[in-house]
C-alpha atoms as a PDB file:
ATOM      1  CA  MET A   1     115.145 318.550  20.000  1.00  0.00           C
ATOM      2  CA  PRO A   2     115.939 317.393  23.555  1.00  0.00           C
ATOM      3  CA  LEU A   3     118.632 314.792  24.167  1.00  0.00           C
ATOM      4  CA  ASP A   4     116.117 312.258  25.514  1.00  0.00           C
ATOM      5  CA  ARG A   5     114.502 312.254  22.047  1.00  0.00           C
ATOM      6  CA  ILE A   6     117.740 312.342  20.007  1.00  0.00           C
ATOM      7  CA  LEU A   7     119.807 309.720  21.846  1.00  0.00           C
ATOM      8  CA  PRO A   8     117.463 306.795  21.100  1.00  0.00           C
ATOM      9  CA  ILE A   9     117.484 307.733  17.411  1.00  0.00           C
ATOM     10  CA  ALA A  10     121.301 307.915  17.374  1.00  0.00           C
ATOM     11  CA  LEU A  11     121.530 304.524  19.103  1.00  0.00           C
ATOM     12  CA  LEU A  12     119.034 303.050  16.634  1.00  0.00           C
ATOM     13  CA  LEU A  13     121.156 304.363  13.777  1.00  0.00           C
ATOM     14  CA  GLY A  14     124.300 302.783  15.209  1.00  0.00           C
ATOM     15  CA  SER A  15     122.571 299.492  15.922  1.00  0.00           C
ATOM     16  CA  ASN A  16     121.215 299.350  12.389  1.00  0.00           C
ATOM     17  CA  ILE A  17     124.663 299.820  10.913  1.00  0.00           C
ATOM     18  CA  PHE A  18     125.867 296.789  12.881  1.00  0.00           C
ATOM     19  CA  MET A  19     122.680 294.874  12.032  1.00  0.00           C
ATOM     20  CA  THR A  20     123.066 295.506   8.323  1.00  0.00           C
ATOM     21  CA  PHE A  21     126.654 294.256   8.335  1.00  0.00           C
ATOM     22  CA  ALA A  22     125.626 291.220  10.404  1.00  0.00           C
ATOM     23  CA  TRP A  23     122.753 290.318   8.102  1.00  0.00           C
ATOM     24  CA  TYR A  24     124.161 291.251   4.685  1.00  0.00           C
ATOM     25  CA  GLY A  25     127.918 291.829   4.953  1.00  0.00           C
ATOM     26  CA  HIS A  26     128.723 288.176   4.311  1.00  0.00           C
ATOM     27  CA  LEU A  27     127.104 288.416   0.868  1.00  0.00           C
ATOM     28  CA  LYS A  28     130.321 290.012  -0.342  1.00  0.00           C
ATOM     29  CA  TYR A  29     132.204 286.866   0.731  1.00  0.00           C
ATOM     30  CA  LYS A  30     130.062 284.043  -0.652  1.00  0.00           C
ATOM     31  CA  SER A  31     133.076 281.736  -0.938  1.00  0.00           C
ATOM     32  CA  ALA A  32     133.594 281.815   2.849  1.00  0.00           C
ATOM     33  CA  PRO A  33     132.219 278.792   4.694  1.00  0.00           C
ATOM     34  CA  LEU A  34     128.634 279.227   5.856  1.00  0.00           C
ATOM     35  CA  ALA A  35     129.544 278.390   9.462  1.00  0.00           C
ATOM     36  CA  LEU A  36     132.116 281.204   9.461  1.00  0.00           C
ATOM     37  CA  ALA A  37     129.534 283.629   8.066  1.00  0.00           C
ATOM     38  CA  ILE A  38     127.066 282.611  10.775  1.00  0.00           C
ATOM     39  CA  PHE A  39     129.565 283.040  13.616  1.00  0.00           C
ATOM     40  CA  ALA A  40     130.904 286.329  12.241  1.00  0.00           C
ATOM     41  CA  SER A  41     127.362 287.639  11.832  1.00  0.00           C
ATOM     42  CA  TRP A  42     126.477 286.528  15.330  1.00  0.00           C
ATOM     43  CA  GLY A  43     129.506 288.358  16.720  1.00  0.00           C
ATOM     44  CA  ILE A  44     128.586 291.558  14.884  1.00  0.00           C
ATOM     45  CA  ALA A  45     124.974 291.231  16.052  1.00  0.00           C
ATOM     46  CA  PHE A  46     126.176 291.353  19.678  1.00  0.00           C
ATOM     47  CA  PHE A  47     127.168 294.989  19.130  1.00  0.00           C
ATOM     48  CA  GLU A  48     123.823 295.675  17.474  1.00  0.00           C
ATOM     49  CA  TYR A  49     122.063 294.476  20.616  1.00  0.00           C
ATOM     50  CA  CYS A  50     124.391 296.554  22.814  1.00  0.00           C
ATOM     51  CA  LEU A  51     122.938 299.626  21.087  1.00  0.00           C
ATOM     52  CA  MET A  52     119.397 298.464  20.276  1.00  0.00           C
ATOM     53  CA  VAL A  53     118.395 297.440  23.795  1.00  0.00           C
ATOM     54  CA  PRO A  54     119.415 300.769  25.382  1.00  0.00           C
ATOM     55  CA  ALA A  55     117.824 302.665  22.473  1.00  0.00           C
ATOM     56  CA  ASN A  56     114.497 300.990  23.088  1.00  0.00           C
ATOM     57  CA  ARG A  57     114.758 301.162  26.860  1.00  0.00           C
ATOM     58  CA  MET A  58     115.603 304.894  26.865  1.00  0.00           C
ATOM     59  CA  GLY A  59     113.334 305.658  23.963  1.00  0.00           C
ATOM     60  CA  SER A  60     110.319 304.099  25.661  1.00  0.00           C
ATOM     61  CA  SER A  61     110.217 307.025  28.081  1.00  0.00           C
ATOM     62  CA  VAL A  62     109.432 309.455  25.231  1.00  0.00           C
ATOM     63  CA  TYR A  63     108.159 307.247  22.384  1.00  0.00           C
ATOM     64  CA  SER A  64     105.638 304.421  22.274  1.00  0.00           C
ATOM     65  CA  ALA A  65     106.796 300.940  21.264  1.00  0.00           C
ATOM     66  CA  PRO A  66     105.079 301.259  17.845  1.00  0.00           C
ATOM     67  CA  GLN A  67     106.805 304.614  17.297  1.00  0.00           C
ATOM     68  CA  LEU A  68     110.191 303.111  18.163  1.00  0.00           C
ATOM     69  CA  LYS A  69     109.553 300.244  15.755  1.00  0.00           C
ATOM     70  CA  GLY A  70     108.448 302.645  13.009  1.00  0.00           C
ATOM     71  CA  MET A  71     111.602 304.725  13.464  1.00  0.00           C
ATOM     72  CA  GLN A  72     113.722 301.594  13.443  1.00  0.00           C
ATOM     73  CA  GLU A  73     112.206 300.484  10.134  1.00  0.00           C
ATOM     74  CA  VAL A  74     112.875 303.825   8.436  1.00  0.00           C
ATOM     75  CA  ILE A  75     116.430 303.941   9.797  1.00  0.00           C
ATOM     76  CA  THR A  76     116.968 300.358   8.612  1.00  0.00           C
ATOM     77  CA  LEU A  77     115.857 301.264   5.098  1.00  0.00           C
ATOM     78  CA  LEU A  78     118.138 304.300   4.933  1.00  0.00           C
ATOM     79  CA  VAL A  79     121.135 302.380   6.240  1.00  0.00           C
ATOM     80  CA  PHE A  80     120.408 299.474   3.906  1.00  0.00           C
ATOM     81  CA  ALA A  81     120.059 301.762   0.871  1.00  0.00           C
ATOM     82  CA  GLY A  82     123.546 303.147   1.468  1.00  0.00           C
ATOM     83  CA  PHE A  83     124.990 299.738   2.307  1.00  0.00           C
ATOM     84  CA  SER A  84     123.521 298.101  -0.784  1.00  0.00           C
ATOM     85  CA  THR A  85     124.844 300.842  -3.036  1.00  0.00           C
ATOM     86  CA  TRP A  86     128.306 301.410  -1.595  1.00  0.00           C
ATOM     87  CA  TYR A  87     129.272 298.103   0.021  1.00  0.00           C
ATOM     88  CA  LEU A  88     127.480 295.522  -2.120  1.00  0.00           C
ATOM     89  CA  ASP A  89     127.586 297.619  -5.318  1.00  0.00           C
ATOM     90  CA  GLN A  90     123.868 296.972  -5.852  1.00  0.00           C
ATOM     91  CA  PRO A  91     122.149 300.354  -6.224  1.00  0.00           C
ATOM     92  CA  LEU A  92     118.436 300.475  -5.571  1.00  0.00           C
ATOM     93  CA  LYS A  93     116.030 300.761  -8.489  1.00  0.00           C
ATOM     94  CA  TRP A  94     112.916 302.924  -8.730  1.00  0.00           C
ATOM     95  CA  ASN A  95     110.631 300.140  -7.483  1.00  0.00           C
ATOM     96  CA  HIS A  96     112.809 299.598  -4.404  1.00  0.00           C
ATOM     97  CA  TRP A  97     112.626 303.315  -3.604  1.00  0.00           C
ATOM     98  CA  ALA A  98     108.855 303.290  -4.196  1.00  0.00           C
ATOM     99  CA  GLY A  99     108.418 300.347  -1.834  1.00  0.00           C
ATOM    100  CA  PHE A 100     110.608 301.995   0.782  1.00  0.00           C
ATOM    101  CA  ALA A 101     108.591 305.211   0.420  1.00  0.00           C
ATOM    102  CA  LEU A 102     105.422 303.304   1.250  1.00  0.00           C
ATOM    103  CA  ILE A 103     107.070 301.972   4.399  1.00  0.00           C
ATOM    104  CA  VAL A 104     108.088 305.530   5.344  1.00  0.00           C
ATOM    105  CA  VAL A 105     104.471 306.642   4.916  1.00  0.00           C
ATOM    106  CA  ALA A 106     103.384 303.748   7.140  1.00  0.00           C
ATOM    107  CA  ALA A 107     105.900 304.788   9.812  1.00  0.00           C
ATOM    108  CA  TRP A 108     104.686 308.398   9.588  1.00  0.00           C
ATOM    109  CA  LEU A 109     101.118 307.241  10.212  1.00  0.00           C
ATOM    110  CA  ILE A 110     102.273 305.645  13.475  1.00  0.00           C
ATOM    111  CA  PHE A 111     103.189 309.113  14.787  1.00  0.00           C
ATOM    112  CA  LEU A 112      99.758 310.627  14.169  1.00  0.00           C
ATOM    113  CA  ASP A 113      97.673 311.109  17.280  1.00  0.00           C
END
């Protein structure tokens, strides 16, 4: 697969790792003040945007916007599944996996011509 197709996917993966920590990482520290959680999340989200914006900008030369969004959703689910299991110690159940599978099917449909 050519670099112009792989690089956006790699950047989306990296951005989703930051995004997941920004959105859900504070759940491990519920005793921390909410304002601190908001500012910490906002700071982490900056790095998400530093990867997401270039991923979409570069990716738009080889993928359509709906395809980029579909990829982003699948990557988000995969990153979140690992994060939930290993960081939050909340493994996914069969119904979570089934719901995620339906989203993967939806993303696959976006790539059909």
